[in-house]
C-alpha atoms as a PDB file:
ATOM      1  CA  MET A   1    -146.279 -65.626-148.198  1.00  0.00           C
ATOM      2  CA  ILE A   2    -142.539 -65.018-148.194  1.00  0.00           C
ATOM      3  CA  MET A   3    -140.279 -67.796-146.945  1.00  0.00           C
ATOM      4  CA  LEU A   4    -139.192 -66.849-143.443  1.00  0.00           C
ATOM      5  CA  ASN A   5    -136.088 -68.216-141.782  1.00  0.00           C
ATOM      6  CA  GLY A   6    -136.391 -70.847-139.075  1.00  0.00           C
ATOM      7  CA  LEU A   7    -135.647 -68.509-136.187  1.00  0.00           C
ATOM      8  CA  THR A   8    -138.336 -66.063-137.278  1.00  0.00           C
ATOM      9  CA  LEU A   9    -140.854 -68.895-137.498  1.00  0.00           C
ATOM     10  CA  ALA A  10    -139.743 -70.136-134.067  1.00  0.00           C
ATOM     11  CA  TYR A  11    -140.145 -66.622-132.648  1.00  0.00           C
ATOM     12  CA  ILE A  12    -143.859 -66.529-133.449  1.00  0.00           C
ATOM     13  CA  GLY A  13    -144.287 -70.259-132.774  1.00  0.00           C
ATOM     14  CA  ASP A  14    -142.931 -69.828-129.253  1.00  0.00           C
ATOM     15  CA  ALA A  15    -145.491 -67.117-128.507  1.00  0.00           C
ATOM     16  CA  VAL A  16    -148.383 -69.130-129.943  1.00  0.00           C
ATOM     17  CA  TYR A  17    -147.361 -72.255-128.028  1.00  0.00           C
ATOM     18  CA  GLU A  18    -147.027 -70.328-124.761  1.00  0.00           C
ATOM     19  CA  VAL A  19    -150.543 -68.884-125.080  1.00  0.00           C
ATOM     20  CA  GLU A  20    -152.003 -72.279-125.974  1.00  0.00           C
ATOM     21  CA  ILE A  21    -150.315 -73.999-123.032  1.00  0.00           C
ATOM     22  CA  ARG A  22    -151.483 -71.305-120.621  1.00  0.00           C
ATOM     23  CA  THR A  23    -155.027 -71.616-121.967  1.00  0.00           C
ATOM     24  CA  TYR A  24    -154.856 -75.409-121.661  1.00  0.00           C
ATOM     25  CA  LEU A  25    -153.772 -75.183-118.019  1.00  0.00           C
ATOM     26  CA  ILE A  26    -156.469 -72.661-117.118  1.00  0.00           C
ATOM     27  CA  ASN A  27    -159.066 -74.883-118.803  1.00  0.00           C
ATOM     28  CA  LYS A  28    -157.803 -77.749-116.626  1.00  0.00           C
ATOM     29  CA  GLY A  29    -158.892 -75.694-113.621  1.00  0.00           C
ATOM     30  CA  LEU A  30    -155.598 -74.265-112.440  1.00  0.00           C
ATOM     31  CA  THR A  31    -156.088 -70.726-111.160  1.00  0.00           C
ATOM     32  CA  LYS A  32    -153.126 -69.872-108.960  1.00  0.00           C
ATOM     33  CA  VAL A  33    -150.413 -68.093-110.927  1.00  0.00           C
ATOM     34  CA  LYS A  34    -147.612 -69.991-109.199  1.00  0.00           C
ATOM     35  CA  ASP A  35    -149.228 -73.326-110.073  1.00  0.00           C
ATOM     36  CA  LEU A  36    -149.878 -72.178-113.638  1.00  0.00           C
ATOM     37  CA  HIS A  37    -146.264 -71.132-114.040  1.00  0.00           C
ATOM     38  CA  ASN A  38    -144.857 -74.330-112.563  1.00  0.00           C
ATOM     39  CA  GLN A  39    -147.057 -76.502-114.772  1.00  0.00           C
ATOM     40  CA  ALA A  40    -146.369 -74.401-117.887  1.00  0.00           C
ATOM     41  CA  ILE A  41    -142.643 -75.036-117.504  1.00  0.00           C
ATOM     42  CA  LYS A  42    -143.275 -78.757-117.980  1.00  0.00           C
ATOM     43  CA  TYR A  43    -144.574 -78.079-121.496  1.00  0.00           C
ATOM     44  CA  THR A  44    -142.537 -75.072-122.572  1.00  0.00           C
ATOM     45  CA  GLN A  45    -139.010 -76.006-121.516  1.00  0.00           C
ATOM     46  CA  ALA A  46    -136.686 -76.821-124.381  1.00  0.00           C
ATOM     47  CA  THR A  47    -136.239 -80.443-123.322  1.00  0.00           C
ATOM     48  CA  SER A  48    -139.993 -81.073-123.469  1.00  0.00           C
ATOM     49  CA  GLN A  49    -140.393 -79.365-126.825  1.00  0.00           C
ATOM     50  CA  ALA A  50    -137.423 -81.294-128.224  1.00  0.00           C
ATOM     51  CA  LEU A  51    -138.927 -84.557-126.978  1.00  0.00           C
ATOM     52  CA  ALA A  52    -142.295 -83.736-128.540  1.00  0.00           C
ATOM     53  CA  ALA A  53    -140.650 -82.897-131.866  1.00  0.00           C
ATOM     54  CA  TYR A  54    -138.587 -86.100-131.783  1.00  0.00           C
ATOM     55  CA  LYS A  55    -141.669 -88.239-131.175  1.00  0.00           C
ATOM     56  CA  LEU A  56    -143.953 -86.376-133.592  1.00  0.00           C
ATOM     57  CA  ILE A  57    -141.490 -86.727-136.474  1.00  0.00           C
ATOM     58  CA  ASP A  58    -141.961 -90.497-136.351  1.00  0.00           C
ATOM     59  CA  TYR A  59    -145.720 -90.581-136.792  1.00  0.00           C
ATOM     60  CA  PHE A  60    -147.434 -87.202-136.843  1.00  0.00           C
ATOM     61  CA  TYR A  61    -145.633 -84.541-138.868  1.00  0.00           C
ATOM     62  CA  THR A  62    -146.274 -84.260-142.588  1.00  0.00           C
ATOM     63  CA  LYS A  63    -143.330 -84.174-145.011  1.00  0.00           C
ATOM     64  CA  GLU A  64    -143.719 -80.400-145.293  1.00  0.00           C
ATOM     65  CA  GLU A  65    -143.699 -80.029-141.494  1.00  0.00           C
ATOM     66  CA  ILE A  66    -140.553 -82.139-141.261  1.00  0.00           C
ATOM     67  CA  THR A  67    -138.903 -79.812-143.779  1.00  0.00           C
ATOM     68  CA  ILE A  68    -139.903 -76.768-141.710  1.00  0.00           C
ATOM     69  CA  TYR A  69    -138.738 -78.504-138.525  1.00  0.00           C
ATOM     70  CA  LYS A  70    -135.327 -79.168-140.078  1.00  0.00           C
ATOM     71  CA  ARG A  71    -135.084 -75.585-141.307  1.00  0.00           C
ATOM     72  CA  GLY A  72    -135.760 -74.307-137.775  1.00  0.00           C
ATOM     73  CA  ARG A  73    -133.520 -76.889-136.139  1.00  0.00           C
ATOM     74  CA  ASN A  74    -130.598 -76.173-138.434  1.00  0.00           C
ATOM     75  CA  GLN A  75    -130.794 -72.386-138.211  1.00  0.00           C
ATOM     76  CA  SER A  76    -127.797 -71.050-136.321  1.00  0.00           C
ATOM     77  CA  ALA A  77    -128.627 -68.652-133.520  1.00  0.00           C
ATOM     78  CA  SER A  78    -126.314 -65.855-132.488  1.00  0.00           C
ATOM     79  CA  HIS A  79    -126.612 -66.703-128.792  1.00  0.00           C
ATOM     80  CA  LYS A  80    -126.079 -69.773-126.661  1.00  0.00           C
ATOM     81  CA  PRO A  81    -128.998 -71.298-124.757  1.00  0.00           C
ATOM     82  CA  LYS A  82    -128.988 -70.691-121.009  1.00  0.00           C
ATOM     83  CA  ASN A  83    -130.718 -73.745-119.576  1.00  0.00           C
ATOM     84  CA  THR A  84    -130.016 -76.529-122.047  1.00  0.00           C
ATOM     85  CA  ASP A  85    -127.487 -77.873-124.513  1.00  0.00           C
ATOM     86  CA  VAL A  86    -127.292 -76.616-128.090  1.00  0.00           C
ATOM     87  CA  ASN A  87    -128.707 -79.836-129.597  1.00  0.00           C
ATOM     88  CA  THR A  88    -131.837 -79.716-127.426  1.00  0.00           C
ATOM     89  CA  TYR A  89    -132.243 -76.009-128.083  1.00  0.00           C
ATOM     90  CA  ASN A  90    -132.044 -76.596-131.833  1.00  0.00           C
ATOM     91  CA  LYS A  91    -134.683 -79.340-131.713  1.00  0.00           C
ATOM     92  CA  SER A  92    -137.034 -77.143-129.683  1.00  0.00           C
ATOM     93  CA  THR A  93    -136.458 -74.313-132.158  1.00  0.00           C
ATOM     94  CA  GLY A  94    -137.498 -76.675-134.959  1.00  0.00           C
ATOM     95  CA  PHE A  95    -140.662 -77.571-133.033  1.00  0.00           C
ATOM     96  CA  GLU A  96    -141.512 -73.895-132.573  1.00  0.00           C
ATOM     97  CA  ALA A  97    -140.781 -73.184-136.250  1.00  0.00           C
ATOM     98  CA  VAL A  98    -143.427 -75.705-137.307  1.00  0.00           C
ATOM     99  CA  LEU A  99    -145.964 -74.041-135.033  1.00  0.00           C
ATOM    100  CA  GLY A 100    -145.003 -70.608-136.323  1.00  0.00           C
ATOM    101  CA  GLN A 101    -145.382 -71.659-139.954  1.00  0.00           C
ATOM    102  CA  LEU A 102    -148.821 -73.153-139.339  1.00  0.00           C
ATOM    103  CA  TYR A 103    -149.939 -70.083-137.429  1.00  0.00           C
ATOM    104  CA  LEU A 104    -148.782 -67.679-140.125  1.00  0.00           C
ATOM    105  CA  GLU A 105    -150.451 -69.795-142.813  1.00  0.00           C
ATOM    106  CA  GLY A 106    -153.686 -69.643-140.823  1.00  0.00           C
ATOM    107  CA  ASN A 107    -153.762 -73.437-140.529  1.00  0.00           C
ATOM    108  CA  LEU A 108    -155.081 -73.310-136.977  1.00  0.00           C
ATOM    109  CA  SER A 109    -156.705 -76.727-137.113  1.00  0.00           C
ATOM    110  CA  ARG A 110    -153.383 -78.453-137.805  1.00  0.00           C
ATOM    111  CA  LEU A 111    -151.627 -76.176-135.315  1.00  0.00           C
ATOM    112  CA  ASN A 112    -154.060 -77.240-132.604  1.00  0.00           C
ATOM    113  CA  ASP A 113    -153.687 -80.912-133.561  1.00  0.00           C
ATOM    114  CA  ILE A 114    -149.911 -80.704-133.143  1.00  0.00           C
ATOM    115  CA  ILE A 115    -150.181 -78.872-129.834  1.00  0.00           C
ATOM    116  CA  LYS A 116    -152.674 -81.427-128.482  1.00  0.00           C
ATOM    117  CA  GLU A 117    -150.463 -84.302-129.581  1.00  0.00           C
ATOM    118  CA  SER A 118    -147.369 -82.659-128.079  1.00  0.00           C
ATOM    119  CA  ILE A 119    -149.215 -82.307-124.759  1.00  0.00           C
ATOM    120  CA  LYS A 120    -149.991 -86.056-124.838  1.00  0.00           C
ATOM    121  CA  VAL A 121    -146.338 -86.877-125.535  1.00  0.00           C
ATOM    122  CA  ILE A 122    -145.064 -84.575-122.812  1.00  0.00           C
ATOM    123  CA  ASP A 123    -147.601 -85.892-120.280  1.00  0.00           C
ATOM    124  CA  GLU A 124    -146.471 -89.431-121.039  1.00  0.00           C
ATOM    125  CA  PHE A 125    -142.731 -88.883-120.827  1.00  0.00           C
ATOM    126  CA  VAL A 126    -142.010 -85.809-118.676  1.00  0.00           C
ATOM    127  CA  GLU A 127    -142.276 -85.716-114.901  1.00  0.00           C
ATOM    128  CA  LEU A 128    -142.759 -82.387-113.173  1.00  0.00           C
END
């Protein structure tokens, strides 16, 4: 596989993460679209993703995943984030880049492990 830049990895990682979070919420029994949307924001907002990445780096990411995270985090985007500061946006981009890399490699087991662990982190530290 060719080496993709961090933003490209984050692009696909964002989509994968969104689908997984929506599936997780539906499996929890949420059925009203408004409730699904409001709960999904808790997990998909940049601040939550940045927090998950920050925590996972300490004990969960492999060395290779940390390298991918840094590549995504350090990639300069051509636009400014709307709802967060640049630092938080960059960290969330790194988080999404890791997910994108794992998805494109077909390493779905590890991808799911990271998503499950990020949900635990976000549930522990983020209030809705």
